Amino acid sequence: MPPKRNPLNLNPLQLKTLTLLQALAQSDAHVVQRGADGSVAIAGIPAPHGDHFHLGDAVVASKDATGLSNQAAWTALERKGLIVSHFPQGAMLTPTGMSYDTGLADAILHRHTGH
């Protein structure tokens, strides 16, 4: 039997927020520290303006990023052991938070696939 999708029952806002925090943790511009345990501290959370913003090599629609400025979403992710919140400045993604499969990266992180 395959593993259950979304075993922590994150709601759509929490899933999108975690997806974006994971993407930030892949960007050297936002990583403050990498822990030996696989945790990643990030800072410089972008404040979306207009209808989109750039995150590394991806474009993100602002409507998919509302959780980055929603303290309740961060609190829920922290309660579930996925991050240690330093809202709104940054967060420490736990190893569980880094490896959690949200299933949304391809849906909300739009990358150019041309030549």
Protein backbone atom coordinates (compact mmCIF):
# COMPACT_ATOMS: atom_id res chain seq x y z
CA MET A 1 0.00 0.00 0.00
CA PRO A 2 1.48 3.40 -0.95
CA PRO A 3 2.02 5.96 1.80
CA LYS A 4 -0.96 8.15 2.61
CA ARG A 5 -0.95 11.51 0.87
CA ASN A 6 -0.97 14.34 3.42
CA PRO A 7 -0.74 12.14 6.55
CA LEU A 8 -0.86 15.20 8.84
CA ASN A 9 -4.12 16.38 7.24
CA LEU A 10 -2.80 19.84 6.39
CA ASN A 11 -5.43 22.13 4.92
CA PRO A 12 -4.87 23.72 1.47
CA LEU A 13 -3.44 26.94 2.93
CA GLN A 14 -1.00 25.01 5.12
CA LEU A 15 0.05 22.80 2.19
CA LYS A 16 0.74 25.81 -0.04
CA THR A 17 2.62 27.60 2.73
CA LEU A 18 4.80 24.58 3.46
CA THR A 19 5.49 24.12 -0.26
CA LEU A 20 6.72 27.71 -0.50
CA LEU A 21 8.80 27.43 2.68
CA GLN A 22 10.41 24.27 1.23
CA ALA A 23 11.18 26.18 -1.98
CA LEU A 24 12.74 29.00 0.04
CA ALA A 25 14.87 26.38 1.82
CA GLN A 26 16.25 25.37 -1.59
CA SER A 27 17.27 28.96 -2.37
CA ASP A 28 20.72 30.04 -1.19
CA ALA A 29 19.41 33.61 -1.05
CA HIS A 30 17.06 32.65 1.79
CA VAL A 31 18.99 29.97 3.71
CA VAL A 32 20.51 31.21 6.94
CA GLN A 33 21.74 27.88 8.29
CA ARG A 34 21.59 24.17 7.49
CA GLY A 35 21.50 21.82 10.45
CA ALA A 36 23.33 18.49 10.58
CA ASP A 37 19.93 16.88 11.24
CA GLY A 38 18.51 18.10 7.90
CA SER A 39 16.78 21.18 9.29
CA VAL A 40 17.05 24.43 7.35
CA ALA A 41 16.69 27.96 8.74
CA ILE A 42 15.31 30.48 6.25
CA ALA A 43 14.80 34.23 6.36
CA GLY A 44 13.88 37.03 4.00
CA ILE A 45 10.36 35.77 3.36
CA PRO A 46 9.18 37.55 0.22
CA ALA A 47 6.18 39.83 0.47
CA PRO A 48 4.14 39.14 -2.67
CA HIS A 49 2.94 42.23 -4.50
CA GLY A 50 0.91 42.40 -7.64
CA ASP A 51 -0.32 39.10 -9.01
CA HIS A 52 2.94 37.13 -8.81
CA PHE A 53 6.48 37.06 -7.47
CA HIS A 54 9.69 35.24 -8.28
CA LEU A 55 11.08 32.53 -6.04
CA GLY A 56 14.39 31.26 -7.36
CA ASP A 57 13.75 29.99 -10.89
CA ALA A 58 9.99 29.81 -10.32
CA VAL A 59 7.10 32.22 -10.56
CA VAL A 60 4.41 32.00 -7.88
CA ALA A 61 0.93 33.49 -8.12
CA SER A 62 0.27 35.80 -5.18
CA LYS A 63 -3.02 33.97 -4.53
CA ASP A 64 -0.98 30.83 -3.76
CA ALA A 65 1.25 32.66 -1.28
CA THR A 66 -1.24 34.17 1.18
CA GLY A 67 -0.01 31.78 3.87
CA LEU A 68 3.41 33.43 3.91
CA SER A 69 1.80 36.36 5.72
CA ASN A 70 -0.72 34.33 7.73
CA GLN A 71 0.48 33.66 11.26
CA ALA A 72 -2.21 31.03 11.86
CA ALA A 73 -0.87 28.92 8.99
CA TRP A 74 2.64 29.09 10.45
CA THR A 75 1.32 28.24 13.92
CA ALA A 76 -0.42 25.14 12.54
CA LEU A 77 2.75 24.04 10.72
CA GLU A 78 4.71 24.51 13.94
CA ARG A 79 2.14 22.58 16.00
CA LYS A 80 2.46 19.68 13.55
CA GLY A 81 6.26 19.64 13.91
CA LEU A 82 7.07 20.86 10.39
CA ILE A 83 8.64 24.23 11.27
CA VAL A 84 9.83 26.30 14.18
CA SER A 85 8.19 29.65 13.48
CA HIS A 86 9.90 33.01 13.76
CA PHE A 87 6.94 34.68 12.04
CA PRO A 88 7.16 36.85 10.02
CA GLN A 89 10.96 37.03 9.74
CA GLY A 90 11.65 33.38 8.98
CA ALA A 91 11.37 29.79 10.06
CA MET A 92 13.37 26.68 10.75
CA LEU A 93 12.06 23.81 8.66
CA THR A 94 12.46 20.58 10.57
CA PRO A 95 13.69 17.45 8.79
CA THR A 96 10.03 16.33 8.69
CA GLY A 97 9.02 19.67 7.19
CA MET A 98 11.74 19.45 4.55
CA SER A 99 10.73 15.95 3.47
CA TYR A 100 6.93 16.29 3.72
CA ASP A 101 5.42 15.68 0.28
CA THR A 102 2.80 18.37 -0.20
CA GLY A 103 2.11 17.30 -3.77
CA LEU A 104 1.83 20.95 -4.78
CA ALA A 105 5.29 22.02 -5.97
CA ASP A 106 4.53 21.49 -9.65
CA ALA A 107 1.12 23.14 -9.28
CA ILE A 108 2.21 26.40 -7.62
CA LEU A 109 5.89 26.78 -8.55
CA HIS A 110 5.69 27.66 -12.25
CA ARG A 111 9.00 27.11 -14.04
CA HIS A 112 9.92 27.94 -17.61
CA THR A 113 10.33 24.69 -19.52
CA GLY A 114 11.46 26.13 -22.86
CA HIS A 115 14.86 25.74 -24.45
